[in-house]
Amino acid sequence: MSGNSKHAVVIGGGIMGGDIATVFAAHGWTVHVMSPSPKTREALPGRIAAGLAKLGAPAGHAAAVHAYSELKAIPWSGVGIVVEAATEDLPLKQKLFAEIEALAKPDIPLASNTSNFPIGEIAKGLKHPQRVAGLHFFMPAHLVPLVEVVSSALTDAKVAEGLVQLLKDLNKAPIWVKKDVPGFVGNRLQHAMMREALYLIADGVTDAEGIDTAVRQGFGFRFIACGPMMQKEMSGWDTNYLVGEALYPHLHTEQVPPQFLKDMVARGRTGMKAKAGMWDWDDDKIKKEKSRIERALQAGFGILHADKD
């Protein structure tokens, strides 16, 4: 970051951008949030206040978050980092980064929260692509500790290392993704499991309820205590190797999701937002389930935070 500056610019003030702004505000940063949407700007103070409360941060920190309708209105001279969290539209991101590069000081990192696009593509055409990196938060960004710091082939290693340290200072759990591969690390792992889960349903092995129970009440139960690498350190890599030899040939390797999922989406059963997905939903059920998940995330956040002490 630039000197001791504790001013951050966050582009996009919606679900991701607002929660990212909360992370900085919770640690005493001044945050400048740019969103062209009046509705988003109006909702931002409430989102920040709610997020700070969940993090146990002083409510007064919300006063250090400022909203703008355009980039040029931001006081750029004191800004130490930029995090773009706009719509997942590559031409839009490229346009934004060209504008940011012209406004931001030359020695500060420019980061994108994208989960879809290569960082190198976002930085294409910039004069200084070496200062562009990925800063991929996971929803809800203020509670989930993991943040992926993604380097493209052109990213300066010192920029990535500085971002890793910044995130540690923000009480996050960063990992440095040293190659700009599609999906980075977290989403590749999630989708590898999701492919197997969906095809287990398609093959009639179990149903959606069975998948969720197997993960949450089985191997997933251990993950808040230790990750899969550490777990195998305890159980033994020799056993894991032998099981892998026997099991890997039977795992699904299809290049597309199963047909039942394509059909389900075509019928409009896209989940809670449509009141129908794997399950049927109404407003009361949605409210109760989201509330339960939020409580569980906060409890998990407390466990992982205590783990650092």
Protein backbone atom coordinates (compact mmCIF):
# COMPACT_ATOMS: atom_id res chain seq x y z
CA MET A 1 0.00 0.00 0.00
CA SER A 2 1.06 3.58 -0.43
CA GLY A 3 2.88 4.70 2.70
CA ASN A 4 0.63 4.59 5.75
CA SER A 5 -2.50 5.56 3.83
CA LYS A 6 -5.66 4.01 5.21
CA HIS A 7 -7.98 5.21 2.49
CA ALA A 8 -9.53 2.58 0.23
CA VAL A 9 -11.64 2.92 -2.89
CA VAL A 10 -14.27 0.23 -3.48
CA ILE A 11 -16.02 0.25 -6.84
CA GLY A 12 -19.52 -1.14 -6.48
CA GLY A 13 -21.57 -0.82 -3.31
CA GLY A 14 -23.90 -3.79 -3.63
CA ILE A 15 -23.70 -7.16 -1.90
CA MET A 16 -19.98 -7.71 -2.47
CA GLY A 17 -18.77 -4.11 -2.62
CA GLY A 18 -20.70 -3.06 0.47
CA ASP A 19 -19.36 -5.99 2.50
CA ILE A 20 -15.79 -5.38 1.29
CA ALA A 21 -16.15 -1.75 2.36
CA THR A 22 -17.31 -3.02 5.76
CA VAL A 23 -14.11 -5.05 6.15
CA PHE A 24 -11.97 -1.95 5.69
CA ALA A 25 -14.23 0.28 7.80
CA ALA A 26 -14.20 -2.23 10.67
CA HIS A 27 -10.43 -1.72 10.92
CA GLY A 28 -10.53 2.06 10.96
CA TRP A 29 -10.07 2.77 7.26
CA THR A 30 -11.76 5.60 5.39
CA VAL A 31 -13.61 4.01 2.48
CA HIS A 32 -14.74 5.71 -0.71
CA VAL A 33 -17.43 3.66 -2.43
CA MET A 34 -18.37 4.45 -6.02
CA SER A 35 -21.66 3.25 -7.46
CA PRO A 36 -23.65 4.88 -10.27
CA SER A 37 -26.86 3.47 -8.75
CA PRO A 38 -28.75 5.88 -6.43
CA LYS A 39 -30.57 2.90 -4.90
CA THR A 40 -27.27 1.21 -4.04
CA ARG A 41 -25.82 4.38 -2.55
CA GLU A 42 -28.94 4.94 -0.44
CA ALA A 43 -28.81 1.38 0.91
CA LEU A 44 -25.09 1.50 1.68
CA PRO A 45 -25.22 3.08 5.19
CA GLY A 46 -27.62 0.40 6.40
CA ARG A 47 -25.47 -2.39 4.95
CA ILE A 48 -22.32 -0.96 6.54
CA ALA A 49 -23.99 -0.50 9.94
CA ALA A 50 -25.35 -4.05 9.95
CA GLY A 51 -21.99 -5.48 8.88
CA LEU A 52 -20.04 -3.58 11.53
CA ALA A 53 -22.45 -4.82 14.19
CA LYS A 54 -21.90 -8.44 13.13
CA LEU A 55 -18.13 -7.94 13.31
CA GLY A 56 -18.33 -6.31 16.72
CA ALA A 57 -16.71 -3.15 15.33
CA PRO A 58 -17.49 0.35 16.63
CA ALA A 59 -20.67 1.71 15.07
CA GLY A 60 -18.95 5.08 14.66
CA HIS A 61 -16.70 3.61 11.96
CA ALA A 62 -19.65 3.78 9.56
CA ALA A 63 -19.14 7.56 9.35
CA ALA A 64 -15.84 6.94 7.52
CA VAL A 65 -17.60 5.32 4.54
CA HIS A 66 -18.48 7.78 1.79
CA ALA A 67 -20.50 7.16 -1.38
CA TYR A 68 -19.92 8.70 -4.81
CA SER A 69 -21.73 8.49 -8.14
CA GLU A 70 -18.58 8.81 -10.26
CA LEU A 71 -14.89 8.03 -9.95
CA LYS A 72 -13.58 11.54 -10.54
CA ALA A 73 -15.43 12.82 -7.44
CA ILE A 74 -13.24 10.69 -5.14
CA PRO A 75 -10.30 12.43 -3.36
CA TRP A 76 -7.64 10.26 -5.00
CA SER A 77 -4.54 11.86 -3.48
CA GLY A 78 -4.84 9.93 -0.21
CA VAL A 79 -5.98 6.57 -1.60
CA GLY A 80 -3.79 3.56 -0.78
CA ILE A 81 -5.67 0.75 -2.55
CA VAL A 82 -8.49 0.23 -5.04
CA VAL A 83 -10.80 -2.81 -5.03
CA GLU A 84 -13.15 -3.22 -7.98
CA ALA A 85 -16.34 -5.16 -7.22
CA ALA A 86 -18.50 -4.17 -10.17
CA THR A 87 -20.76 -6.37 -12.30
CA GLU A 88 -19.07 -9.41 -13.85
CA ASP A 89 -18.70 -7.85 -17.29
CA LEU A 90 -15.19 -7.98 -18.78
CA PRO A 91 -15.45 -4.91 -21.07
CA LEU A 92 -16.88 -2.93 -18.15
CA LYS A 93 -14.03 -3.97 -15.87
CA GLN A 94 -11.43 -3.12 -18.52
CA LYS A 95 -13.02 0.31 -18.97
CA LEU A 96 -13.07 0.90 -15.21
CA PHE A 97 -9.43 -0.07 -14.78
CA ALA A 98 -8.37 2.26 -17.59
CA GLU A 99 -10.18 5.10 -15.78
CA ILE A 100 -8.74 4.09 -12.40
CA GLU A 101 -5.20 3.96 -13.74
CA ALA A 102 -5.52 7.56 -14.88
CA LEU A 103 -6.80 8.70 -11.48
CA ALA A 104 -4.93 6.63 -8.88
CA LYS A 105 -1.40 7.27 -7.72
CA PRO A 106 1.12 5.13 -9.66
CA ASP A 107 2.44 3.28 -6.60
CA ILE A 108 -0.82 1.77 -5.27
CA PRO A 109 -2.27 -1.68 -6.06
CA LEU A 110 -5.36 -1.99 -8.23
CA ALA A 111 -7.37 -5.10 -7.41
CA SER A 112 -10.40 -6.87 -8.86
CA ASN A 113 -12.85 -9.03 -6.94
CA THR A 114 -13.71 -10.99 -10.09
CA SER A 115 -14.36 -14.72 -9.79
CA ASN A 116 -14.87 -15.25 -13.53
CA PHE A 117 -12.22 -13.44 -15.53
CA PRO A 118 -8.43 -13.84 -15.78
CA ILE A 119 -6.67 -10.98 -14.03
CA GLY A 120 -4.36 -10.64 -17.02
CA GLU A 121 -7.37 -9.97 -19.27
CA ILE A 122 -8.67 -7.26 -16.95
CA ALA A 123 -5.24 -5.59 -16.93
CA LYS A 124 -4.81 -5.87 -20.72
CA GLY A 125 -4.02 -2.53 -22.31
CA LEU A 126 -2.99 -0.79 -19.10
CA LYS A 127 0.30 1.10 -18.88
CA HIS A 128 1.20 -0.57 -15.58
CA PRO A 129 -0.41 -4.06 -15.47
CA GLN A 130 2.20 -5.15 -12.92
CA ARG A 131 0.22 -3.44 -10.14
CA VAL A 132 -3.04 -5.22 -10.97
CA ALA A 133 -4.01 -8.31 -8.95
CA GLY A 134 -7.08 -10.25 -7.99
CA LEU A 135 -8.57 -9.78 -4.54
CA HIS A 136 -11.30 -12.41 -4.55
CA PHE A 137 -13.58 -12.30 -1.50
CA PHE A 138 -16.26 -14.92 -0.82
CA MET A 139 -19.83 -14.08 0.20
CA PRO A 140 -20.57 -12.78 2.72
CA ALA A 141 -17.29 -10.93 2.31
CA HIS A 142 -17.25 -9.41 5.80
CA LEU A 143 -17.66 -12.82 7.49
CA VAL A 144 -15.91 -15.41 5.29
CA PRO A 145 -12.20 -15.23 6.21
CA LEU A 146 -10.75 -16.49 2.92
CA VAL A 147 -9.56 -13.98 0.32
CA GLU A 148 -7.62 -15.08 -2.75
CA VAL A 149 -4.79 -12.81 -3.87
CA VAL A 150 -4.39 -13.66 -7.55
CA SER A 151 -1.30 -12.89 -9.63
CA SER A 152 -1.37 -12.72 -13.40
CA ALA A 153 1.81 -13.38 -15.37
CA LEU A 154 2.47 -9.62 -15.23
CA THR A 155 1.67 -8.95 -11.55
CA ASP A 156 4.65 -7.78 -9.50
CA ALA A 157 5.27 -10.33 -6.73
CA LYS A 158 5.79 -7.48 -4.26
CA VAL A 159 2.28 -6.20 -5.01
CA ALA A 160 0.81 -9.62 -4.24
CA GLU A 161 2.89 -10.02 -1.09
CA GLY A 162 1.78 -6.57 0.09
CA LEU A 163 -1.87 -7.50 -0.44
CA VAL A 164 -1.42 -10.73 1.52
CA GLN A 165 -0.04 -8.76 4.46
CA LEU A 166 -2.80 -6.16 4.20
CA LEU A 167 -5.46 -8.87 4.39
CA LYS A 168 -3.82 -10.40 7.44
CA ASP A 169 -3.94 -6.96 9.04
CA LEU A 170 -7.65 -6.88 8.20
CA ASN A 171 -8.11 -10.17 10.08
CA LYS A 172 -8.63 -12.16 6.87
CA ALA A 173 -7.15 -15.51 5.84
CA PRO A 174 -5.45 -14.79 2.50
CA ILE A 175 -3.88 -17.27 0.11
CA TRP A 176 -1.60 -16.27 -2.76
CA VAL A 177 -2.81 -17.79 -6.03
CA LYS A 178 0.41 -17.65 -8.01
CA LYS A 179 -1.05 -18.69 -11.36
CA ASP A 180 -4.02 -16.98 -13.04
CA VAL A 181 -5.97 -20.21 -13.64
CA PRO A 182 -9.75 -20.23 -14.31
CA GLY A 183 -11.69 -20.36 -11.04
CA PHE A 184 -8.54 -19.70 -8.99
CA VAL A 185 -8.43 -22.12 -6.01
CA GLY A 186 -11.64 -21.85 -3.99
CA ASN A 187 -14.07 -22.10 -6.89
CA ARG A 188 -12.14 -24.96 -8.51
CA LEU A 189 -12.40 -26.95 -5.30
CA GLN A 190 -16.09 -26.07 -4.87
CA HIS A 191 -17.01 -27.02 -8.43
CA ALA A 192 -15.03 -30.26 -8.35
CA MET A 193 -17.19 -31.31 -5.40
CA MET A 194 -20.34 -29.86 -6.97
CA ARG A 195 -19.86 -31.86 -10.17
CA GLU A 196 -19.65 -35.10 -8.20
CA ALA A 197 -22.63 -34.10 -6.03
CA LEU A 198 -24.86 -33.26 -9.00
CA TYR A 199 -24.01 -36.46 -10.82
CA LEU A 200 -24.67 -38.52 -7.68
CA ILE A 201 -28.16 -37.01 -7.74
CA ALA A 202 -28.47 -37.57 -11.51
CA ASP A 203 -27.44 -41.22 -11.10
CA GLY A 204 -30.06 -41.76 -8.39
CA VAL A 205 -27.48 -42.48 -5.69
CA THR A 206 -28.96 -39.90 -3.29
CA ASP A 207 -30.98 -36.67 -3.30
CA ALA A 208 -30.19 -33.02 -2.53
CA GLU A 209 -30.93 -33.53 1.17
CA GLY A 210 -28.55 -36.49 1.25
CA ILE A 211 -25.74 -34.48 -0.35
CA ASP A 212 -26.08 -31.62 2.12
CA THR A 213 -26.21 -33.98 5.10
CA ALA A 214 -23.14 -35.90 3.91
CA VAL A 215 -21.14 -32.71 3.56
CA ARG A 216 -22.32 -30.73 6.61
CA GLN A 217 -22.57 -33.64 9.05
CA GLY A 218 -19.71 -35.71 7.60
CA PHE A 219 -16.38 -34.61 6.19
CA GLY A 220 -17.45 -30.95 6.05
CA PHE A 221 -17.93 -30.95 9.82
CA ARG A 222 -14.16 -31.37 10.19
CA PHE A 223 -13.20 -28.55 7.86
CA ILE A 224 -13.69 -25.72 10.33
CA ALA A 225 -11.09 -27.47 12.52
CA CYS A 226 -8.63 -28.49 9.79
CA GLY A 227 -8.45 -28.56 6.00
CA PRO A 228 -8.22 -31.70 3.84
CA MET A 229 -4.41 -31.64 3.67
CA MET A 230 -4.03 -31.53 7.45
CA GLN A 231 -6.72 -34.17 7.89
CA LYS A 232 -4.77 -36.57 5.67
CA GLU A 233 -1.61 -35.76 7.59
CA MET A 234 -3.43 -37.26 10.58
CA SER A 235 -5.06 -40.22 8.85
CA GLY A 236 -2.10 -41.07 6.62
CA TRP A 237 -1.25 -40.39 2.99
CA ASP A 238 -0.59 -44.07 2.35
CA THR A 239 -4.25 -44.85 3.01
CA ASN A 240 -5.33 -41.85 0.94
CA TYR A 241 -3.18 -43.01 -1.98
CA LEU A 242 -4.63 -46.51 -1.95
CA VAL A 243 -8.21 -45.21 -1.73
CA GLY A 244 -7.50 -42.76 -4.54
CA GLU A 245 -6.17 -45.52 -6.78
CA ALA A 246 -9.39 -47.48 -6.29
CA LEU A 247 -11.86 -44.55 -6.32
CA TYR A 248 -10.57 -42.02 -8.88
CA PRO A 249 -11.54 -44.16 -11.91
CA HIS A 250 -15.17 -44.06 -10.71
CA LEU A 251 -15.42 -40.30 -10.15
CA HIS A 252 -17.27 -38.19 -12.68
CA THR A 253 -15.21 -36.29 -15.25
CA GLU A 254 -17.98 -34.89 -17.48
CA GLN A 255 -17.27 -31.54 -19.11
CA VAL A 256 -20.78 -30.13 -18.57
CA PRO A 257 -23.31 -30.19 -15.70
CA PRO A 258 -25.94 -32.96 -15.79
CA GLN A 259 -29.04 -32.67 -17.97
CA PHE A 260 -31.43 -32.53 -15.01
CA LEU A 261 -29.81 -29.27 -13.86
CA LYS A 262 -30.10 -27.75 -17.33
CA ASP A 263 -33.77 -28.77 -17.41
CA MET A 264 -34.41 -27.42 -13.92
CA VAL A 265 -32.95 -24.02 -14.82
CA ALA A 266 -34.95 -23.98 -18.08
CA ARG A 267 -38.12 -24.45 -16.01
CA GLY A 268 -37.17 -21.43 -13.90
CA ARG A 269 -36.33 -23.42 -10.79
CA THR A 270 -33.24 -21.36 -9.98
CA GLY A 271 -33.44 -21.36 -6.18
CA MET A 272 -34.74 -19.02 -3.50
CA LYS A 273 -34.96 -16.02 -5.84
CA ALA A 274 -37.52 -17.94 -7.93
CA LYS A 275 -39.19 -19.57 -4.89
CA ALA A 276 -38.22 -22.94 -6.39
CA GLY A 277 -35.01 -24.92 -6.92
CA MET A 278 -34.07 -28.26 -5.45
CA TRP A 279 -36.68 -27.33 -2.83
CA ASP A 280 -39.85 -25.23 -2.91
CA TRP A 281 -39.68 -21.90 -1.06
CA ASP A 282 -41.92 -19.19 0.30
CA ASP A 283 -40.96 -15.93 2.01
CA ASP A 284 -41.18 -17.40 5.51
CA LYS A 285 -39.02 -20.41 4.67
CA ILE A 286 -36.44 -18.20 2.96
CA LYS A 287 -36.25 -15.84 5.93
CA LYS A 288 -35.83 -18.69 8.41
CA GLU A 289 -33.17 -20.47 6.35
CA LYS A 290 -31.14 -17.33 5.70
CA SER A 291 -31.32 -16.46 9.40
CA ARG A 292 -30.11 -19.95 10.36
CA ILE A 293 -27.22 -19.76 7.91
CA GLU A 294 -26.25 -16.28 9.13
CA ARG A 295 -26.15 -17.50 12.75
CA ALA A 296 -24.03 -20.49 11.75
CA LEU A 297 -21.60 -18.29 9.82
CA GLN A 298 -21.21 -15.93 12.76
CA ALA A 299 -20.59 -18.89 15.08
CA GLY A 300 -18.01 -20.26 12.67
CA PHE A 301 -16.39 -16.84 12.39
CA GLY A 302 -16.06 -16.79 16.18
CA ILE A 303 -14.44 -20.24 16.22
CA LEU A 304 -11.88 -19.34 13.55
CA HIS A 305 -11.16 -15.99 15.19
CA ALA A 306 -10.57 -17.69 18.54
CA ASP A 307 -8.25 -20.16 16.77
CA LYS A 308 -5.83 -17.28 16.15
CA ASP A 309 -5.48 -16.43 19.84
